Amino acid sequence: MKKITILILLLLITNVSFSQSIFGKWNSYNEETNKVESVIEVYQKDGKAFAKIKKINDQTRKDAKCIACSGKLKNAPILGMNILTGLKKDGDEWSGGKILDPKNGKEYKCYIKLIDNNTLKLRGYIGISMFGRTAIWKRVLE
């Protein structure tokens, strides 16, 4: 019985520590309607944070391409596209990378911060963070 209790406690502790991470799937919201627009997966590679679009909820946009993007991303499918690149951990934030807005094809400097287990704050900006826009993503609860 003691072994089962210890095992359950270890599983709970592991689950709590994992859910306290920026990594995982997040719902992004349309700023005008406040409805879930897409599911974004934040993942780690070589110690940096990246994110790609895993699902687009609007059936008419599932095959959309990034027409306004430039370079390699010009006319690339938005579904599966990396929109967050190269963020490094800096205290309780991840910064130093870029975020792409596939609607207008523009890249912005950005930082992200976990507000609570299920809320991620993203700030994209030009120059200094005072000149930018904040988005809140909510964790996909599976």
Protein backbone atom coordinates (compact mmCIF):
# COMPACT_ATOMS: atom_id res chain seq x y z
CA MET A 1 0.00 0.00 0.00
CA LYS A 2 2.86 2.34 0.86
CA LYS A 3 4.44 1.79 -2.58
CA ILE A 4 1.18 2.63 -4.35
CA THR A 5 0.78 5.84 -2.33
CA ILE A 6 4.35 6.91 -3.15
CA LEU A 7 3.81 6.09 -6.83
CA ILE A 8 0.61 8.16 -6.94
CA LEU A 9 2.36 11.10 -5.23
CA LEU A 10 5.25 10.93 -7.71
CA LEU A 11 2.85 10.91 -10.64
CA LEU A 12 0.97 13.91 -9.25
CA ILE A 13 4.19 15.85 -8.62
CA THR A 14 5.46 15.06 -12.12
CA ASN A 15 2.17 16.16 -13.68
CA VAL A 16 2.09 19.41 -11.70
CA SER A 17 5.67 20.31 -12.63
CA PHE A 18 5.01 19.52 -16.32
CA SER A 19 1.88 21.63 -16.44
CA GLN A 20 3.84 24.60 -15.04
CA SER A 21 5.66 24.90 -18.36
CA ILE A 22 5.15 27.06 -21.43
CA PHE A 23 5.45 23.90 -23.51
CA GLY A 24 2.36 22.18 -24.83
CA LYS A 25 -0.71 23.07 -26.87
CA TRP A 26 -2.39 26.46 -26.53
CA ASN A 27 -5.58 28.01 -27.88
CA SER A 28 -5.06 31.33 -29.63
CA TYR A 29 -8.03 33.67 -29.86
CA ASN A 30 -9.44 36.02 -32.47
CA GLU A 31 -9.10 39.52 -30.99
CA GLU A 32 -12.46 40.67 -32.34
CA THR A 33 -14.66 37.65 -31.56
CA ASN A 34 -12.67 36.18 -28.65
CA LYS A 35 -13.29 32.73 -30.16
CA VAL A 36 -10.58 30.08 -30.45
CA GLU A 37 -8.91 30.67 -33.79
CA SER A 38 -6.20 28.03 -33.76
CA VAL A 39 -4.20 25.60 -31.65
CA ILE A 40 -0.52 26.41 -31.29
CA GLU A 41 2.07 23.94 -30.02
CA VAL A 42 4.97 25.47 -28.10
CA TYR A 43 7.98 23.16 -28.05
CA GLN A 44 11.63 23.24 -27.08
CA LYS A 45 14.56 22.65 -29.41
CA ASP A 46 18.22 23.17 -28.49
CA GLY A 47 17.20 24.99 -25.30
CA LYS A 48 15.03 27.51 -27.14
CA ALA A 49 11.25 27.86 -27.46
CA PHE A 50 9.46 27.58 -30.79
CA ALA A 51 5.79 27.30 -31.76
CA LYS A 52 3.86 26.04 -34.76
CA ILE A 53 0.24 26.15 -35.80
CA LYS A 54 -1.23 22.68 -35.26
CA LYS A 55 -4.91 23.34 -36.00
CA ILE A 56 -7.00 26.05 -37.66
CA ASN A 57 -10.60 26.06 -36.48
CA ASP A 58 -12.12 27.98 -39.41
CA GLN A 59 -12.74 25.27 -42.02
CA THR A 60 -12.50 27.83 -44.84
CA ARG A 61 -8.93 28.75 -43.77
CA LYS A 62 -7.48 25.26 -43.29
CA ASP A 63 -5.64 25.46 -46.61
CA ALA A 64 -4.75 29.17 -46.27
CA LYS A 65 -1.32 30.30 -47.36
CA CYS A 66 0.80 33.14 -46.00
CA ILE A 67 0.41 35.42 -49.00
CA ALA A 68 1.79 38.48 -47.15
CA CYS A 69 4.89 36.63 -45.89
CA SER A 70 8.27 37.10 -47.51
CA GLY A 71 11.22 34.84 -48.26
CA LYS A 72 10.80 31.09 -47.72
CA LEU A 73 7.41 31.62 -46.07
CA LYS A 74 5.87 33.42 -49.06
CA ASN A 75 2.77 31.40 -50.06
CA ALA A 76 3.63 28.67 -47.52
CA PRO A 77 0.73 26.88 -45.81
CA ILE A 78 -0.20 28.51 -42.50
CA LEU A 79 -1.15 25.15 -40.98
CA GLY A 80 2.10 23.68 -39.67
CA MET A 81 3.96 26.99 -39.93
CA ASN A 82 6.43 27.98 -37.21
CA ILE A 83 5.26 31.33 -35.91
CA LEU A 84 7.45 31.63 -32.82
CA THR A 85 11.19 31.19 -33.14
CA GLY A 86 14.29 31.23 -30.98
CA LEU A 87 13.11 32.41 -27.57
CA LYS A 88 15.56 31.87 -24.71
CA LYS A 89 14.66 31.50 -21.04
CA ASP A 90 15.34 34.70 -19.11
CA GLY A 91 14.11 34.37 -15.51
CA ASP A 92 10.37 33.73 -15.65
CA GLU A 93 10.09 34.92 -19.27
CA TRP A 94 11.21 33.60 -22.63
CA SER A 95 12.56 36.37 -24.88
CA GLY A 96 15.00 37.24 -27.64
CA GLY A 97 13.06 35.58 -30.42
CA LYS A 98 10.48 36.55 -32.99
CA ILE A 99 6.81 35.96 -33.61
CA LEU A 100 5.19 35.95 -37.03
CA ASP A 101 1.66 37.18 -37.67
CA PRO A 102 0.58 35.10 -40.69
CA LYS A 103 -2.35 37.46 -41.31
CA ASN A 104 -0.06 40.35 -42.27
CA GLY A 105 3.23 38.48 -42.85
CA LYS A 106 5.12 40.65 -40.36
CA GLU A 107 7.61 39.47 -37.76
CA TYR A 108 7.93 41.11 -34.38
CA LYS A 109 10.29 40.81 -31.45
CA CYS A 110 8.50 39.07 -28.63
CA TYR A 111 8.52 37.61 -25.19
CA ILE A 112 6.23 35.11 -23.52
CA LYS A 113 5.48 34.49 -19.89
CA LEU A 114 3.43 31.88 -18.07
CA ILE A 115 0.82 33.73 -16.01
CA ASP A 116 -0.58 30.58 -14.39
CA ASN A 117 -0.72 26.87 -15.31
CA ASN A 118 -3.22 27.52 -18.09
CA THR A 119 -2.51 31.09 -19.24
CA LEU A 120 0.32 32.28 -21.45
CA LYS A 121 0.97 35.97 -22.12
CA LEU A 122 2.63 36.90 -25.43
CA ARG A 123 3.89 40.36 -26.22
CA GLY A 124 4.90 41.18 -29.79
CA TYR A 125 6.51 44.54 -30.45
CA ILE A 126 8.59 46.74 -32.72
CA GLY A 127 11.66 48.34 -31.15
CA ILE A 128 10.69 48.42 -27.48
CA SER A 129 7.92 46.43 -25.82
CA MET A 130 5.94 49.60 -25.13
CA PHE A 131 5.07 49.69 -28.85
CA GLY A 132 3.33 46.38 -29.31
CA ARG A 133 0.39 44.14 -28.74
CA THR A 134 -0.36 41.51 -26.10
CA ALA A 135 -2.20 38.26 -26.66
CA ILE A 136 -3.36 35.72 -24.11
CA TRP A 137 -3.38 32.05 -24.95
CA LYS A 138 -5.12 29.38 -22.87
CA ARG A 139 -3.77 25.87 -22.48
CA VAL A 140 -5.59 23.15 -24.42
CA LEU A 141 -6.99 20.85 -21.76
CA GLU A 142 -7.02 17.33 -23.13
